[in-house]
């Protein structure tokens, strides 16, 4: 049913459940998995007139490590085809873009399930992806 799964990932202990779901689904459908970590550079430096290039490289390196660690977790769980990707920009837009570029047919991602004012103030990448995705999405409450 699904052949290419996209798992957008973040550095969080709660991400473990998302990866476990990814392992289960990939094994069930013998699917390839693409792990995506997005560095939102605008959010990091939106309030600063000066960009610390060293810090920027640290953030990108950290994101690369997150993606590789997630890919290793998936492989250790028995997923045979896993690739890690890092992109810079707006997370929801890049998740949708990755779906198209990588020909993914399922997104598995975490959501905090914020409601009301908290959701308005914090925003929701998952909500934006749900509104704009052309493929199935499996949300995991984290």
Protein backbone atom coordinates (compact mmCIF):
# COMPACT_ATOMS: atom_id res chain seq x y z
CA UNK A 1 0.00 0.00 0.00
CA UNK A 2 2.74 2.48 1.00
CA UNK A 3 6.16 2.40 -0.68
CA UNK A 4 7.88 5.62 0.44
CA UNK A 5 7.33 6.99 3.92
CA UNK A 6 8.47 10.43 5.09
CA UNK A 7 9.17 10.95 8.78
CA UNK A 8 9.89 14.57 9.72
CA UNK A 9 11.87 14.41 12.94
CA UNK A 10 12.95 16.58 15.86
CA UNK A 11 15.26 16.17 18.82
CA UNK A 12 12.89 14.97 21.48
CA UNK A 13 12.51 11.92 23.66
CA UNK A 14 8.87 11.88 22.56
CA UNK A 15 10.04 11.31 18.97
CA UNK A 16 10.70 7.68 19.92
CA UNK A 17 7.01 6.83 19.50
CA UNK A 18 6.98 8.38 16.02
CA UNK A 19 10.01 6.30 15.02
CA UNK A 20 8.46 3.15 16.47
CA UNK A 21 5.34 3.79 14.39
CA UNK A 22 7.59 4.33 11.36
CA UNK A 23 9.32 1.00 11.99
CA UNK A 24 5.99 -0.80 12.28
CA UNK A 25 4.52 0.75 9.11
CA UNK A 26 7.68 0.37 7.00
CA UNK A 27 8.01 -3.29 7.92
CA UNK A 28 4.30 -3.96 7.36
CA UNK A 29 4.38 -2.49 3.84
CA UNK A 30 8.05 -3.21 3.00
CA UNK A 31 8.45 0.53 2.45
CA UNK A 32 11.47 2.79 2.17
CA UNK A 33 11.73 5.57 4.75
CA UNK A 34 13.03 9.10 4.36
CA UNK A 35 13.86 10.92 7.58
CA UNK A 36 13.74 14.71 7.32
CA UNK A 37 15.07 17.24 9.79
CA UNK A 38 14.36 20.89 8.99
CA UNK A 39 16.44 23.77 10.32
CA UNK A 40 14.19 26.80 10.58
CA UNK A 41 16.87 29.49 10.29
CA UNK A 42 14.40 32.38 10.14
CA UNK A 43 12.91 31.42 13.50
CA UNK A 44 16.30 31.22 15.15
CA UNK A 45 17.51 34.63 14.03
CA UNK A 46 14.27 36.54 13.45
CA UNK A 47 14.89 38.82 16.42
CA UNK A 48 18.63 39.28 15.92
CA UNK A 49 20.12 41.80 13.50
CA UNK A 50 23.39 39.80 13.46
CA UNK A 51 23.70 36.19 12.35
CA UNK A 52 26.26 34.13 14.24
CA UNK A 53 27.60 31.89 11.47
CA UNK A 54 29.25 29.56 13.98
CA UNK A 55 25.96 29.06 15.78
CA UNK A 56 24.19 28.54 12.49
CA UNK A 57 26.61 25.73 11.60
CA UNK A 58 26.12 24.18 15.06
CA UNK A 59 22.34 24.13 14.53
CA UNK A 60 22.72 22.56 11.08
CA UNK A 61 25.19 19.97 12.44
CA UNK A 62 22.76 19.17 15.26
CA UNK A 63 19.95 18.68 12.76
CA UNK A 64 22.14 16.36 10.69
CA UNK A 65 22.88 14.30 13.81
CA UNK A 66 19.15 14.11 14.65
CA UNK A 67 18.35 12.83 11.15
CA UNK A 68 21.19 10.28 11.19
CA UNK A 69 20.30 9.06 14.69
CA UNK A 70 16.66 8.62 13.62
CA UNK A 71 17.74 6.75 10.49
CA UNK A 72 19.97 4.49 12.61
CA UNK A 73 17.05 3.79 14.97
CA UNK A 74 14.86 2.82 12.02
CA UNK A 75 17.56 0.53 10.59
CA UNK A 76 18.14 -1.07 13.99
CA UNK A 77 14.39 -1.72 14.11
CA UNK A 78 14.54 -3.68 10.88
CA UNK A 79 13.78 -1.09 8.20
CA UNK A 80 15.99 -2.01 5.26
CA UNK A 81 15.90 1.19 3.20
CA UNK A 82 16.38 4.46 5.11
CA UNK A 83 17.78 7.80 3.97
CA UNK A 84 18.38 10.91 6.07
CA UNK A 85 17.76 14.41 4.72
CA UNK A 86 18.37 17.90 6.12
CA UNK A 87 16.77 21.03 4.70
CA UNK A 88 16.79 24.68 5.72
CA UNK A 89 13.63 26.78 5.72
CA UNK A 90 9.99 26.68 6.78
CA UNK A 91 9.23 23.16 8.16
CA UNK A 92 5.70 22.61 6.81
CA UNK A 93 6.60 23.88 3.34
CA UNK A 94 9.71 21.70 3.18
CA UNK A 95 7.84 18.63 4.40
CA UNK A 96 5.32 19.04 1.56
CA UNK A 97 8.16 19.72 -0.89
CA UNK A 98 10.00 16.57 0.27
CA UNK A 99 6.86 14.47 -0.24
CA UNK A 100 6.80 15.55 -3.87
CA UNK A 101 10.55 15.35 -4.52
CA UNK A 102 10.94 11.93 -2.88
CA UNK A 103 7.66 10.52 -4.22
CA UNK A 104 6.41 9.70 -0.71
CA UNK A 105 2.93 8.32 -0.21
CA UNK A 106 2.70 8.55 3.59
CA UNK A 107 3.87 11.02 6.23
CA UNK A 108 4.30 9.87 9.81
CA UNK A 109 4.82 12.77 12.18
CA UNK A 110 4.34 13.81 15.77
CA UNK A 111 1.94 16.37 17.09
CA UNK A 112 1.72 17.95 20.52
CA UNK A 113 -2.03 18.35 20.29
CA UNK A 114 -2.06 21.98 21.47
CA UNK A 115 -5.48 23.59 21.60
CA UNK A 116 -6.97 27.04 21.83
CA UNK A 117 -4.70 30.00 22.51
CA UNK A 118 -1.64 27.79 22.94
CA UNK A 119 -2.05 26.49 19.35
CA UNK A 120 -2.60 30.02 18.02
CA UNK A 121 0.52 31.33 19.76
CA UNK A 122 2.79 28.37 19.05
CA UNK A 123 1.43 27.41 15.64
CA UNK A 124 1.36 23.86 14.42
CA UNK A 125 3.57 22.37 11.74
CA UNK A 126 1.44 19.23 11.79
CA UNK A 127 -1.75 21.22 11.22
CA UNK A 128 -0.22 23.08 8.28
CA UNK A 129 1.01 19.82 6.76
CA UNK A 130 -2.42 18.22 7.17
CA UNK A 131 -4.05 21.17 5.42
CA UNK A 132 -1.63 21.13 2.49
CA UNK A 133 -0.60 17.51 1.97
CA UNK A 134 -1.73 15.48 -1.00
CA UNK A 135 -0.79 12.17 0.68
CA UNK A 136 -1.97 10.26 3.73
CA UNK A 137 -0.71 11.40 7.13
CA UNK A 138 -0.42 9.35 10.28
CA UNK A 139 -0.17 11.67 13.30
CA UNK A 140 1.34 10.38 16.53
CA UNK A 141 0.47 12.25 19.72
CA UNK A 142 3.71 13.16 21.51
